[in-house]
Amino acid sequence: MGTEIVLVDEIPFPPQITTTKPLSLLGHGITDIEIHFLQIKFTAIGVYLEPEIVGHLQQYKGKQGSELAEDDDFFEAVISAPVEKFLRVVIIKEIKGSQYGVQLESAVRDRLAADDKYEEEEEAALEKVVEFFQSKYFKKDSVITYHFPSTSATAEIVFTTEGKEDSKLKVENGNVVEMIKKWYLGGTRGVSPTTITSLANTLSAELSK
């Protein structure tokens, strides 16, 4: 667990943040897309978890990071571990909030439908999340945070732009919350392979201590 500021594509991420308790930066990466052979980077991501998560992953002790990065069961274990989780997503390339909302909506809806969990309640909760982003404009360096408490299946989403907290939303549908986690932390199906690799390598190193 380092104490240095970590730079992800020149964007600083503190090594620790405190919500109700200190959480450590255990994974980071970017989301990007290739258009006409050009790599366009959209967001930088930091994954903060309670250091105690290592205690919930003991069956993976001794595995290399490269092995864990390919193991979706490992990331299921990370997602379901009863520890606090916090995602910090910083905008690299400005886009409309509605574009981000559509990506999130289709990723979450597809996952819910695949698990046969897409009912009216999920649809309504997901619609609220999409509406939350709809009116926003994601300037460079705007920050979206997702806070997942350890004790309840809820999420708090906060949008901050130009250093000011703009608005927040509480998501109370457990299935939608789980799929948002999977969108970012879902192993080989996650939105950011670089983040998954980084998280796998850090946790592998922590498990071997």
N, C-alpha and C. Protein backbone atom coordinates (compact mmCIF):
# COMPACT_ATOMS: atom_id res chain seq x y z
N MET A 1 0.85 -1.18 0.00
CA MET A 1 0.00 0.00 0.00
C MET A 1 0.90 1.24 0.00
N GLY A 2 0.94 1.96 -1.10
CA GLY A 2 1.83 3.11 -1.20
C GLY A 2 1.25 4.34 -0.52
N THR A 3 2.10 5.36 -0.38
CA THR A 3 1.64 6.62 0.20
C THR A 3 1.77 7.75 -0.82
N GLU A 4 2.26 7.38 -2.00
CA GLU A 4 2.48 8.40 -3.03
C GLU A 4 1.21 8.64 -3.83
N ILE A 5 1.07 9.87 -4.31
CA ILE A 5 0.00 10.16 -5.27
C ILE A 5 0.27 9.33 -6.52
N VAL A 6 -0.75 8.71 -7.06
CA VAL A 6 -0.60 7.90 -8.27
C VAL A 6 -1.12 8.70 -9.46
N LEU A 7 -0.35 8.77 -10.53
CA LEU A 7 -0.80 9.46 -11.73
C LEU A 7 -1.35 8.45 -12.73
N VAL A 8 -2.59 8.65 -13.13
CA VAL A 8 -3.21 7.81 -14.15
C VAL A 8 -3.44 8.72 -15.35
N ASP A 9 -2.65 8.52 -16.39
CA ASP A 9 -2.73 9.41 -17.55
C ASP A 9 -2.64 10.89 -17.12
N GLU A 10 -1.69 11.16 -16.25
CA GLU A 10 -1.41 12.52 -15.75
C GLU A 10 -2.47 13.06 -14.79
N ILE A 11 -3.45 12.23 -14.43
CA ILE A 11 -4.47 12.67 -13.48
C ILE A 11 -4.11 12.10 -12.10
N PRO A 12 -4.00 12.97 -11.09
CA PRO A 12 -3.57 12.48 -9.77
C PRO A 12 -4.68 11.77 -9.02
N PHE A 13 -4.34 10.65 -8.42
CA PHE A 13 -5.26 9.91 -7.55
C PHE A 13 -4.59 9.77 -6.18
N PRO A 14 -5.25 10.21 -5.11
CA PRO A 14 -4.64 10.03 -3.79
C PRO A 14 -4.53 8.54 -3.46
N PRO A 15 -3.48 8.14 -2.70
CA PRO A 15 -3.31 6.72 -2.39
C PRO A 15 -4.37 6.20 -1.42
N GLN A 16 -5.02 7.15 -0.72
CA GLN A 16 -6.05 6.76 0.23
C GLN A 16 -7.15 7.80 0.23
N ILE A 17 -8.38 7.36 0.44
CA ILE A 17 -9.44 8.33 0.70
C ILE A 17 -10.18 7.82 1.93
N THR A 18 -10.84 8.74 2.62
CA THR A 18 -11.59 8.32 3.80
C THR A 18 -13.06 8.59 3.57
N THR A 19 -13.85 7.54 3.67
CA THR A 19 -15.30 7.70 3.63
C THR A 19 -15.73 7.58 5.09
N THR A 20 -16.24 6.43 5.50
CA THR A 20 -16.46 6.22 6.93
C THR A 20 -15.18 5.66 7.55
N LYS A 21 -14.28 5.20 6.68
CA LYS A 21 -12.99 4.66 7.14
C LYS A 21 -11.98 4.83 6.01
N PRO A 22 -10.69 4.66 6.26
CA PRO A 22 -9.72 4.82 5.17
C PRO A 22 -9.80 3.68 4.16
N LEU A 23 -9.85 4.03 2.90
CA LEU A 23 -9.84 3.03 1.82
C LEU A 23 -8.57 3.25 1.00
N SER A 24 -7.99 2.16 0.51
CA SER A 24 -6.73 2.25 -0.25
C SER A 24 -6.97 2.11 -1.74
N LEU A 25 -6.16 2.83 -2.50
CA LEU A 25 -6.20 2.73 -3.97
C LEU A 25 -5.56 1.39 -4.37
N LEU A 26 -6.38 0.44 -4.78
CA LEU A 26 -5.85 -0.90 -5.09
C LEU A 26 -5.84 -1.21 -6.59
N GLY A 27 -6.48 -0.34 -7.38
CA GLY A 27 -6.47 -0.57 -8.83
C GLY A 27 -6.73 0.74 -9.55
N HIS A 28 -6.19 0.88 -10.73
CA HIS A 28 -6.46 2.09 -11.52
C HIS A 28 -6.24 1.78 -13.00
N GLY A 29 -6.84 2.59 -13.84
CA GLY A 29 -6.71 2.38 -15.29
C GLY A 29 -7.51 3.42 -16.03
N ILE A 30 -7.80 3.13 -17.28
CA ILE A 30 -8.54 4.08 -18.11
C ILE A 30 -9.63 3.35 -18.89
N THR A 31 -10.59 4.12 -19.39
CA THR A 31 -11.49 3.59 -20.43
C THR A 31 -11.12 4.31 -21.71
N ASP A 32 -11.15 3.57 -22.80
CA ASP A 32 -10.79 4.18 -24.08
C ASP A 32 -11.52 3.46 -25.21
N ILE A 33 -11.39 4.04 -26.38
CA ILE A 33 -12.00 3.44 -27.56
C ILE A 33 -11.06 3.72 -28.73
N GLU A 34 -11.02 2.80 -29.67
CA GLU A 34 -10.15 3.04 -30.83
C GLU A 34 -11.02 3.48 -32.01
N ILE A 35 -10.71 4.66 -32.53
CA ILE A 35 -11.45 5.16 -33.68
C ILE A 35 -10.43 5.44 -34.79
N HIS A 36 -10.59 4.77 -35.92
CA HIS A 36 -9.66 4.94 -37.04
C HIS A 36 -8.20 4.83 -36.57
N PHE A 37 -7.91 3.77 -35.82
CA PHE A 37 -6.55 3.48 -35.33
C PHE A 37 -6.03 4.48 -34.30
N LEU A 38 -6.87 5.40 -33.88
CA LEU A 38 -6.45 6.35 -32.84
C LEU A 38 -7.06 5.90 -31.52
N GLN A 39 -6.24 5.92 -30.48
CA GLN A 39 -6.77 5.57 -29.16
C GLN A 39 -7.31 6.85 -28.50
N ILE A 40 -8.61 6.88 -28.27
CA ILE A 40 -9.22 8.03 -27.61
C ILE A 40 -9.49 7.63 -26.16
N LYS A 41 -8.86 8.34 -25.22
CA LYS A 41 -9.06 8.03 -23.80
C LYS A 41 -10.22 8.86 -23.26
N PHE A 42 -11.11 8.21 -22.55
CA PHE A 42 -12.28 8.92 -22.03
C PHE A 42 -12.18 9.22 -20.54
N THR A 43 -11.88 8.20 -19.75
CA THR A 43 -11.86 8.43 -18.30
C THR A 43 -10.67 7.72 -17.66
N ALA A 44 -10.25 8.26 -16.52
CA ALA A 44 -9.28 7.58 -15.66
C ALA A 44 -10.04 7.08 -14.43
N ILE A 45 -9.68 5.89 -13.96
CA ILE A 45 -10.46 5.24 -12.90
C ILE A 45 -9.53 4.88 -11.74
N GLY A 46 -10.00 5.13 -10.53
CA GLY A 46 -9.31 4.64 -9.34
C GLY A 46 -10.27 3.78 -8.54
N VAL A 47 -9.82 2.61 -8.11
CA VAL A 47 -10.66 1.70 -7.32
C VAL A 47 -10.12 1.68 -5.89
N TYR A 48 -10.95 2.14 -4.95
CA TYR A 48 -10.56 2.19 -3.54
C TYR A 48 -11.34 1.14 -2.76
N LEU A 49 -10.62 0.34 -2.00
CA LEU A 49 -11.25 -0.73 -1.22
C LEU A 49 -10.68 -0.75 0.18
N GLU A 50 -11.46 -1.31 1.10
CA GLU A 50 -10.92 -1.53 2.44
C GLU A 50 -9.76 -2.54 2.32
N PRO A 51 -8.63 -2.26 2.95
CA PRO A 51 -7.51 -3.22 2.88
C PRO A 51 -7.91 -4.61 3.38
N GLU A 52 -8.93 -4.66 4.26
CA GLU A 52 -9.39 -5.95 4.80
C GLU A 52 -9.93 -6.90 3.72
N ILE A 53 -10.13 -6.40 2.52
CA ILE A 53 -10.67 -7.27 1.47
C ILE A 53 -9.77 -8.49 1.26
N VAL A 54 -8.49 -8.32 1.55
CA VAL A 54 -7.53 -9.42 1.36
C VAL A 54 -7.95 -10.64 2.18
N GLY A 55 -8.51 -10.39 3.35
CA GLY A 55 -8.96 -11.50 4.20
C GLY A 55 -10.08 -12.31 3.57
N HIS A 56 -10.83 -11.70 2.65
CA HIS A 56 -11.95 -12.40 2.00
C HIS A 56 -11.53 -13.12 0.72
N LEU A 57 -10.25 -13.01 0.37
CA LEU A 57 -9.79 -13.56 -0.91
C LEU A 57 -8.70 -14.61 -0.72
N GLN A 58 -8.65 -15.19 0.48
CA GLN A 58 -7.53 -16.08 0.82
C GLN A 58 -7.41 -17.29 -0.11
N GLN A 59 -8.56 -17.74 -0.68
CA GLN A 59 -8.46 -18.93 -1.53
C GLN A 59 -7.67 -18.64 -2.82
N TYR A 60 -7.40 -17.35 -3.08
CA TYR A 60 -6.64 -17.00 -4.30
C TYR A 60 -5.17 -16.73 -3.99
N LYS A 61 -4.78 -16.97 -2.76
CA LYS A 61 -3.39 -16.74 -2.34
C LYS A 61 -2.44 -17.56 -3.23
N GLY A 62 -1.35 -16.94 -3.65
CA GLY A 62 -0.36 -17.68 -4.44
C GLY A 62 -0.58 -17.59 -5.94
N LYS A 63 -1.72 -17.02 -6.34
CA LYS A 63 -1.95 -16.90 -7.80
C LYS A 63 -1.32 -15.60 -8.31
N GLN A 64 -0.79 -15.69 -9.52
CA GLN A 64 -0.20 -14.51 -10.16
C GLN A 64 -1.29 -13.53 -10.56
N GLY A 65 -0.91 -12.25 -10.63
CA GLY A 65 -1.86 -11.22 -11.08
C GLY A 65 -2.43 -11.52 -12.46
N SER A 66 -1.55 -12.05 -13.34
CA SER A 66 -2.00 -12.32 -14.72
C SER A 66 -3.07 -13.42 -14.73
N GLU A 67 -2.95 -14.37 -13.79
CA GLU A 67 -3.97 -15.43 -13.67
C GLU A 67 -5.29 -14.86 -13.16
N LEU A 68 -5.17 -14.03 -12.12
CA LEU A 68 -6.37 -13.46 -11.49
C LEU A 68 -7.13 -12.55 -12.47
N ALA A 69 -6.37 -11.83 -13.30
CA ALA A 69 -7.00 -10.89 -14.24
C ALA A 69 -7.94 -11.61 -15.21
N GLU A 70 -7.66 -12.91 -15.45
CA GLU A 70 -8.48 -13.70 -16.38
C GLU A 70 -9.58 -14.50 -15.66
N ASP A 71 -9.63 -14.37 -14.33
CA ASP A 71 -10.52 -15.22 -13.53
C ASP A 71 -11.74 -14.44 -13.06
N ASP A 72 -12.86 -14.60 -13.78
CA ASP A 72 -14.06 -13.84 -13.42
C ASP A 72 -14.59 -14.20 -12.04
N ASP A 73 -14.35 -15.43 -11.60
CA ASP A 73 -14.80 -15.82 -10.25
C ASP A 73 -14.08 -15.00 -9.18
N PHE A 74 -12.82 -14.68 -9.47
CA PHE A 74 -12.05 -13.86 -8.52
C PHE A 74 -12.72 -12.49 -8.38
N PHE A 75 -13.14 -11.91 -9.50
CA PHE A 75 -13.76 -10.59 -9.43
C PHE A 75 -15.17 -10.65 -8.83
N GLU A 76 -15.85 -11.79 -9.01
CA GLU A 76 -17.12 -12.00 -8.29
C GLU A 76 -16.86 -11.93 -6.79
N ALA A 77 -15.76 -12.57 -6.37
CA ALA A 77 -15.40 -12.57 -4.94
C ALA A 77 -15.07 -11.16 -4.46
N VAL A 78 -14.40 -10.38 -5.31
CA VAL A 78 -14.07 -8.99 -4.96
C VAL A 78 -15.36 -8.18 -4.80
N ILE A 79 -16.26 -8.34 -5.78
CA ILE A 79 -17.51 -7.57 -5.77
C ILE A 79 -18.38 -7.94 -4.57
N SER A 80 -18.43 -9.24 -4.24
CA SER A 80 -19.33 -9.67 -3.17
C SER A 80 -18.70 -9.58 -1.78
N ALA A 81 -17.41 -9.31 -1.68
CA ALA A 81 -16.76 -9.20 -0.36
C ALA A 81 -17.44 -8.09 0.44
N PRO A 82 -17.75 -8.35 1.72
CA PRO A 82 -18.50 -7.37 2.52
C PRO A 82 -17.62 -6.23 3.02
N VAL A 83 -17.01 -5.51 2.09
CA VAL A 83 -16.18 -4.36 2.44
C VAL A 83 -16.65 -3.15 1.63
N GLU A 84 -16.31 -1.98 2.15
CA GLU A 84 -16.68 -0.75 1.46
C GLU A 84 -15.87 -0.60 0.17
N LYS A 85 -16.54 -0.09 -0.86
CA LYS A 85 -15.88 0.10 -2.15
C LYS A 85 -16.17 1.51 -2.66
N PHE A 86 -15.22 2.09 -3.34
CA PHE A 86 -15.38 3.47 -3.81
C PHE A 86 -14.67 3.60 -5.15
N LEU A 87 -15.38 4.08 -6.15
CA LEU A 87 -14.79 4.28 -7.48
C LEU A 87 -14.69 5.77 -7.76
N ARG A 88 -13.52 6.20 -8.20
CA ARG A 88 -13.35 7.60 -8.59
C ARG A 88 -13.05 7.62 -10.08
N VAL A 89 -13.93 8.24 -10.84
CA VAL A 89 -13.82 8.26 -12.30
C VAL A 89 -13.62 9.71 -12.74
N VAL A 90 -12.50 9.99 -13.37
CA VAL A 90 -12.18 11.37 -13.77
C VAL A 90 -12.24 11.47 -15.30
N ILE A 91 -12.91 12.50 -15.75
CA ILE A 91 -13.10 12.67 -17.21
C ILE A 91 -11.80 13.17 -17.85
N ILE A 92 -11.36 12.46 -18.89
CA ILE A 92 -10.18 12.88 -19.66
C ILE A 92 -10.64 13.66 -20.90
N LYS A 93 -11.62 13.08 -21.60
CA LYS A 93 -12.11 13.72 -22.83
C LYS A 93 -13.55 14.14 -22.61
N GLU A 94 -13.82 15.42 -22.80
CA GLU A 94 -15.17 15.87 -22.45
C GLU A 94 -16.23 15.26 -23.36
N ILE A 95 -17.32 14.87 -22.74
CA ILE A 95 -18.46 14.31 -23.48
C ILE A 95 -19.74 14.78 -22.77
N LYS A 96 -20.84 14.57 -23.44
CA LYS A 96 -22.13 14.86 -22.79
C LYS A 96 -22.43 13.77 -21.78
N GLY A 97 -23.02 14.17 -20.68
CA GLY A 97 -23.41 13.19 -19.67
C GLY A 97 -24.36 12.15 -20.23
N SER A 98 -25.17 12.56 -21.21
CA SER A 98 -26.13 11.61 -21.79
C SER A 98 -25.41 10.46 -22.50
N GLN A 99 -24.23 10.75 -23.10
CA GLN A 99 -23.48 9.69 -23.78
C GLN A 99 -22.97 8.66 -22.77
N TYR A 100 -22.47 9.16 -21.65
CA TYR A 100 -21.99 8.26 -20.59
C TYR A 100 -23.17 7.46 -20.03
N GLY A 101 -24.30 8.17 -19.82
CA GLY A 101 -25.49 7.51 -19.27
C GLY A 101 -25.99 6.38 -20.15
N VAL A 102 -25.93 6.56 -21.46
CA VAL A 102 -26.38 5.53 -22.40
C VAL A 102 -25.47 4.30 -22.32
N GLN A 103 -24.15 4.54 -22.21
CA GLN A 103 -23.20 3.42 -22.07
C GLN A 103 -23.50 2.63 -20.80
N LEU A 104 -23.67 3.36 -19.70
CA LEU A 104 -23.94 2.71 -18.43
C LEU A 104 -25.26 1.93 -18.51
N GLU A 105 -26.26 2.59 -19.09
CA GLU A 105 -27.59 1.96 -19.16
C GLU A 105 -27.53 0.64 -19.94
N SER A 106 -26.89 0.65 -21.11
CA SER A 106 -26.92 -0.58 -21.92
C SER A 106 -26.09 -1.68 -21.25
N ALA A 107 -24.96 -1.30 -20.61
CA ALA A 107 -24.13 -2.31 -19.93
C ALA A 107 -24.88 -2.94 -18.76
N VAL A 108 -25.55 -2.10 -17.97
CA VAL A 108 -26.27 -2.60 -16.79
C VAL A 108 -27.50 -3.40 -17.22
N ARG A 109 -28.22 -2.88 -18.20
CA ARG A 109 -29.44 -3.57 -18.65
C ARG A 109 -29.12 -4.94 -19.25
N ASP A 110 -28.06 -5.00 -20.06
CA ASP A 110 -27.69 -6.29 -20.66
C ASP A 110 -27.33 -7.32 -19.59
N ARG A 111 -26.61 -6.87 -18.57
CA ARG A 111 -26.23 -7.78 -17.49
C ARG A 111 -27.45 -8.25 -16.70
N LEU A 112 -28.36 -7.31 -16.43
CA LEU A 112 -29.58 -7.68 -15.70
C LEU A 112 -30.42 -8.66 -16.51
N ALA A 113 -30.55 -8.38 -17.80
CA ALA A 113 -31.37 -9.25 -18.66
C ALA A 113 -30.76 -10.65 -18.74
N ALA A 114 -29.42 -10.71 -18.83
CA ALA A 114 -28.74 -12.01 -18.92
C ALA A 114 -28.98 -12.84 -17.67
N ASP A 115 -29.11 -12.17 -16.52
CA ASP A 115 -29.35 -12.88 -15.25
C ASP A 115 -30.84 -12.97 -14.91
N ASP A 116 -31.68 -12.55 -15.86
CA ASP A 116 -33.13 -12.58 -15.65
C ASP A 116 -33.55 -11.75 -14.43
N LYS A 117 -32.94 -10.58 -14.29
CA LYS A 117 -33.26 -9.73 -13.13
C LYS A 117 -33.78 -8.36 -13.57
N TYR A 118 -34.17 -8.26 -14.85
CA TYR A 118 -34.59 -6.93 -15.33
C TYR A 118 -36.10 -6.80 -15.23
N GLU A 119 -36.58 -6.34 -14.08
CA GLU A 119 -38.02 -6.16 -13.85
C GLU A 119 -38.33 -4.67 -13.81
N GLU A 120 -39.60 -4.34 -13.53
CA GLU A 120 -40.00 -2.92 -13.52
C GLU A 120 -39.19 -2.09 -12.53
N GLU A 121 -38.92 -2.68 -11.36
CA GLU A 121 -38.16 -1.92 -10.33
C GLU A 121 -36.77 -1.58 -10.83
N GLU A 122 -36.14 -2.54 -11.50
CA GLU A 122 -34.79 -2.31 -12.02
C GLU A 122 -34.83 -1.25 -13.13
N GLU A 123 -35.83 -1.37 -13.97
CA GLU A 123 -35.96 -0.41 -15.07
C GLU A 123 -36.11 1.01 -14.52
N ALA A 124 -36.97 1.16 -13.50
CA ALA A 124 -37.21 2.49 -12.90
C ALA A 124 -35.92 3.03 -12.26
N ALA A 125 -35.20 2.16 -11.53
CA ALA A 125 -33.98 2.61 -10.85
C ALA A 125 -32.91 3.01 -11.88
N LEU A 126 -32.82 2.23 -12.95
CA LEU A 126 -31.82 2.51 -13.99
C LEU A 126 -32.17 3.81 -14.71
N GLU A 127 -33.47 4.02 -14.93
CA GLU A 127 -33.92 5.25 -15.58
C GLU A 127 -33.48 6.48 -14.78
N LYS A 128 -33.58 6.37 -13.45
CA LYS A 128 -33.17 7.49 -12.58
C LYS A 128 -31.69 7.78 -12.74
N VAL A 129 -30.89 6.74 -12.86
CA VAL A 129 -29.44 6.93 -13.03
C VAL A 129 -29.17 7.63 -14.36
N VAL A 130 -29.85 7.18 -15.41
CA VAL A 130 -29.66 7.79 -16.75
C VAL A 130 -30.10 9.26 -16.72
N GLU A 131 -31.23 9.53 -16.06
CA GLU A 131 -31.72 10.92 -15.94
C GLU A 131 -30.71 11.79 -15.20
N PHE A 132 -30.10 11.20 -14.17
CA PHE A 132 -29.12 11.94 -13.36
C PHE A 132 -27.98 12.46 -14.25
N PHE A 133 -27.53 11.62 -15.19
CA PHE A 133 -26.42 12.03 -16.06
C PHE A 133 -26.88 12.87 -17.26
N GLN A 134 -28.15 12.72 -17.62
CA GLN A 134 -28.70 13.32 -18.84
C GLN A 134 -28.38 14.81 -18.99
N SER A 135 -28.57 15.55 -17.91
CA SER A 135 -28.46 17.01 -18.01
C SER A 135 -27.02 17.51 -17.79
N LYS A 136 -26.11 16.62 -17.50
CA LYS A 136 -24.75 17.05 -17.14
C LYS A 136 -23.90 17.22 -18.40
N TYR A 137 -22.88 18.06 -18.25
CA TYR A 137 -21.86 18.11 -19.30
C TYR A 137 -20.54 17.75 -18.63
N PHE A 138 -19.90 16.71 -19.13
CA PHE A 138 -18.67 16.23 -18.50
C PHE A 138 -17.47 16.98 -19.07
N LYS A 139 -17.10 18.08 -18.39
CA LYS A 139 -15.89 18.77 -18.81
C LYS A 139 -14.68 17.95 -18.39
N LYS A 140 -13.55 18.23 -19.02
CA LYS A 140 -12.30 17.55 -18.61
C LYS A 140 -12.08 17.79 -17.11
N ASP A 141 -11.63 16.76 -16.42
CA ASP A 141 -11.36 16.81 -14.97
C ASP A 141 -12.62 16.80 -14.09
N SER A 142 -13.81 16.71 -14.68
CA SER A 142 -15.00 16.47 -13.84
C SER A 142 -14.81 15.09 -13.20
N VAL A 143 -15.45 14.89 -12.06
CA VAL A 143 -15.27 13.63 -11.33
C VAL A 143 -16.63 13.00 -11.02
N ILE A 144 -16.74 11.70 -11.31
CA ILE A 144 -17.91 10.93 -10.89
C ILE A 144 -17.41 9.97 -9.82
N THR A 145 -18.08 9.91 -8.69
CA THR A 145 -17.70 8.89 -7.70
C THR A 145 -18.89 7.98 -7.43
N TYR A 146 -18.56 6.74 -7.20
CA TYR A 146 -19.55 5.72 -6.82
C TYR A 146 -19.13 5.19 -5.46
N HIS A 147 -19.99 5.34 -4.48
CA HIS A 147 -19.66 4.84 -3.14
C HIS A 147 -20.60 3.68 -2.81
N PHE A 148 -20.00 2.52 -2.56
CA PHE A 148 -20.77 1.32 -2.22
C PHE A 148 -20.48 0.96 -0.76
N PRO A 149 -21.41 1.22 0.17
CA PRO A 149 -21.16 0.87 1.57
C PRO A 149 -21.07 -0.65 1.73
N SER A 150 -20.43 -1.08 2.82
CA SER A 150 -20.30 -2.52 3.03
C SER A 150 -21.58 -3.13 3.57
N THR A 151 -22.42 -2.29 4.19
CA THR A 151 -23.54 -2.84 4.95
C THR A 151 -24.86 -2.88 4.19
N SER A 152 -24.94 -2.17 3.06
CA SER A 152 -26.24 -2.18 2.35
C SER A 152 -26.00 -2.25 0.86
N ALA A 153 -27.02 -2.75 0.15
CA ALA A 153 -26.88 -2.91 -1.31
C ALA A 153 -27.32 -1.61 -2.00
N THR A 154 -26.69 -0.51 -1.61
CA THR A 154 -27.02 0.78 -2.22
C THR A 154 -25.74 1.37 -2.82
N ALA A 155 -25.93 2.45 -3.58
CA ALA A 155 -24.78 3.18 -4.10
C ALA A 155 -25.10 4.66 -4.06
N GLU A 156 -24.10 5.46 -3.76
CA GLU A 156 -24.28 6.90 -3.89
C GLU A 156 -23.39 7.39 -5.02
N ILE A 157 -24.01 8.04 -5.99
CA ILE A 157 -23.25 8.59 -7.13
C ILE A 157 -23.16 10.10 -6.93
N VAL A 158 -21.95 10.63 -7.02
CA VAL A 158 -21.77 12.08 -6.88
C VAL A 158 -21.05 12.59 -8.12
N PHE A 159 -21.53 13.72 -8.63
CA PHE A 159 -20.88 14.34 -9.79
C PHE A 159 -20.31 15.68 -9.35
N THR A 160 -19.02 15.87 -9.61
CA THR A 160 -18.34 17.11 -9.22
C THR A 160 -17.70 17.71 -10.46
N THR A 161 -17.95 18.98 -10.69
CA THR A 161 -17.32 19.63 -11.84
C THR A 161 -16.70 20.94 -11.39
N GLU A 162 -15.54 21.27 -11.93
CA GLU A 162 -14.79 22.47 -11.56
C GLU A 162 -14.63 22.57 -10.04
N GLY A 163 -14.42 21.40 -9.41
CA GLY A 163 -14.13 21.38 -7.98
C GLY A 163 -15.34 21.55 -7.07
N LYS A 164 -16.52 21.73 -7.65
CA LYS A 164 -17.73 21.91 -6.83
C LYS A 164 -18.65 20.70 -6.98
N GLU A 165 -19.14 20.22 -5.84
CA GLU A 165 -20.08 19.09 -5.90
C GLU A 165 -21.35 19.58 -6.56
N ASP A 166 -21.70 18.97 -7.65
CA ASP A 166 -22.82 19.44 -8.45
C ASP A 166 -24.12 18.76 -8.01
N SER A 167 -24.10 17.46 -7.89
CA SER A 167 -25.32 16.76 -7.50
C SER A 167 -25.01 15.33 -7.11
N LYS A 168 -25.97 14.72 -6.40
CA LYS A 168 -25.75 13.32 -5.99
C LYS A 168 -27.06 12.56 -6.13
N LEU A 169 -26.91 11.25 -6.22
CA LEU A 169 -28.06 10.37 -6.39
C LEU A 169 -27.82 9.11 -5.59
N LYS A 170 -28.86 8.65 -4.90
CA LYS A 170 -28.74 7.37 -4.19
C LYS A 170 -29.48 6.31 -5.00
N VAL A 171 -28.80 5.22 -5.28
CA VAL A 171 -29.41 4.10 -6.01
C VAL A 171 -29.73 3.02 -4.98
N GLU A 172 -31.01 2.65 -4.87
CA GLU A 172 -31.40 1.73 -3.80
C GLU A 172 -31.84 0.36 -4.32
N ASN A 173 -31.73 0.15 -5.62
CA ASN A 173 -32.08 -1.16 -6.16
C ASN A 173 -30.82 -2.03 -6.17
N GLY A 174 -30.82 -3.08 -5.36
CA GLY A 174 -29.62 -3.91 -5.19
C GLY A 174 -29.12 -4.52 -6.48
N ASN A 175 -30.03 -4.92 -7.36
CA ASN A 175 -29.60 -5.55 -8.62
C ASN A 175 -28.88 -4.54 -9.52
N VAL A 176 -29.43 -3.33 -9.58
CA VAL A 176 -28.79 -2.29 -10.41
C VAL A 176 -27.42 -1.93 -9.83
N VAL A 177 -27.36 -1.83 -8.49
CA VAL A 177 -26.09 -1.52 -7.83
C VAL A 177 -25.04 -2.59 -8.15
N GLU A 178 -25.45 -3.84 -8.07
CA GLU A 178 -24.52 -4.95 -8.34
C GLU A 178 -23.98 -4.87 -9.77
N MET A 179 -24.85 -4.53 -10.72
CA MET A 179 -24.41 -4.50 -12.13
C MET A 179 -23.54 -3.27 -12.43
N ILE A 180 -23.75 -2.18 -11.68
CA ILE A 180 -22.83 -1.04 -11.85
C ILE A 180 -21.44 -1.46 -11.38
N LYS A 181 -21.39 -2.18 -10.26
CA LYS A 181 -20.09 -2.69 -9.78
C LYS A 181 -19.46 -3.58 -10.85
N LYS A 182 -20.30 -4.44 -11.45
CA LYS A 182 -19.76 -5.38 -12.45
C LYS A 182 -19.29 -4.66 -13.71
N TRP A 183 -19.93 -3.55 -14.02
CA TRP A 183 -19.52 -2.77 -15.20
C TRP A 183 -18.06 -2.32 -15.02
N TYR A 184 -17.74 -1.90 -13.81
CA TYR A 184 -16.37 -1.42 -13.55
C TYR A 184 -15.42 -2.51 -13.06
N LEU A 185 -15.95 -3.50 -12.33
CA LEU A 185 -15.07 -4.47 -11.66
C LEU A 185 -15.31 -5.90 -12.10
N GLY A 186 -16.01 -6.07 -13.23
CA GLY A 186 -16.46 -7.41 -13.59
C GLY A 186 -15.48 -8.26 -14.36
N GLY A 187 -14.22 -8.22 -13.98
CA GLY A 187 -13.25 -9.12 -14.62
C GLY A 187 -13.15 -8.89 -16.11
N THR A 188 -13.15 -9.97 -16.88
CA THR A 188 -12.91 -9.86 -18.33
C THR A 188 -14.05 -9.12 -19.04
N ARG A 189 -15.19 -8.97 -18.35
CA ARG A 189 -16.30 -8.24 -18.99
C ARG A 189 -16.40 -6.80 -18.49
N GLY A 190 -15.43 -6.37 -17.71
CA GLY A 190 -15.46 -5.00 -17.19
C GLY A 190 -15.16 -4.00 -18.30
N VAL A 191 -15.51 -2.74 -18.04
CA VAL A 191 -15.38 -1.70 -19.06
C VAL A 191 -13.91 -1.27 -19.26
N SER A 192 -13.05 -1.59 -18.28
CA SER A 192 -11.66 -1.11 -18.37
C SER A 192 -10.67 -2.23 -18.07
N PRO A 193 -10.15 -2.91 -19.10
CA PRO A 193 -9.18 -3.99 -18.90
C PRO A 193 -7.95 -3.55 -18.12
N THR A 194 -7.51 -2.29 -18.31
CA THR A 194 -6.31 -1.82 -17.60
C THR A 194 -6.57 -1.78 -16.09
N THR A 195 -7.78 -1.39 -15.71
CA THR A 195 -8.13 -1.33 -14.28
C THR A 195 -8.17 -2.73 -13.68
N ILE A 196 -8.75 -3.66 -14.42
CA ILE A 196 -8.86 -5.05 -13.96
C ILE A 196 -7.46 -5.65 -13.75
N THR A 197 -6.56 -5.41 -14.71
CA THR A 197 -5.19 -5.92 -14.61
C THR A 197 -4.48 -5.33 -13.40
N SER A 198 -4.63 -4.03 -13.22
CA SER A 198 -3.99 -3.34 -12.10
C SER A 198 -4.51 -3.88 -10.76
N LEU A 199 -5.82 -4.04 -10.65
CA LEU A 199 -6.43 -4.55 -9.42
C LEU A 199 -5.96 -5.99 -9.14
N ALA A 200 -5.91 -6.80 -10.19
CA ALA A 200 -5.47 -8.20 -10.04
C ALA A 200 -4.01 -8.25 -9.55
N ASN A 201 -3.15 -7.39 -10.12
CA ASN A 201 -1.74 -7.40 -9.73
C ASN A 201 -1.55 -6.92 -8.28
N THR A 202 -2.28 -5.87 -7.90
CA THR A 202 -2.15 -5.35 -6.52
C THR A 202 -2.65 -6.38 -5.52
N LEU A 203 -3.82 -6.98 -5.79
CA LEU A 203 -4.37 -7.93 -4.85
C LEU A 203 -3.52 -9.21 -4.77
N SER A 204 -2.95 -9.62 -5.89
CA SER A 204 -2.04 -10.77 -5.90
C SER A 204 -0.84 -10.48 -4.98
N ALA A 205 -0.29 -9.27 -5.10
CA ALA A 205 0.86 -8.90 -4.26
C ALA A 205 0.47 -8.83 -2.78
N GLU A 206 -0.73 -8.27 -2.50
CA GLU A 206 -1.18 -8.17 -1.10
C GLU A 206 -1.43 -9.57 -0.52
N LEU A 207 -1.95 -10.47 -1.34
CA LEU A 207 -2.25 -11.83 -0.86
C LEU A 207 -0.97 -12.62 -0.58
N SER A 208 0.12 -12.26 -1.25
CA SER A 208 1.34 -13.06 -1.06
C SER A 208 2.16 -12.56 0.14
N LYS A 209 1.68 -11.49 0.80
CA LYS A 209 2.44 -10.95 1.95
C LYS A 209 2.32 -11.88 3.14
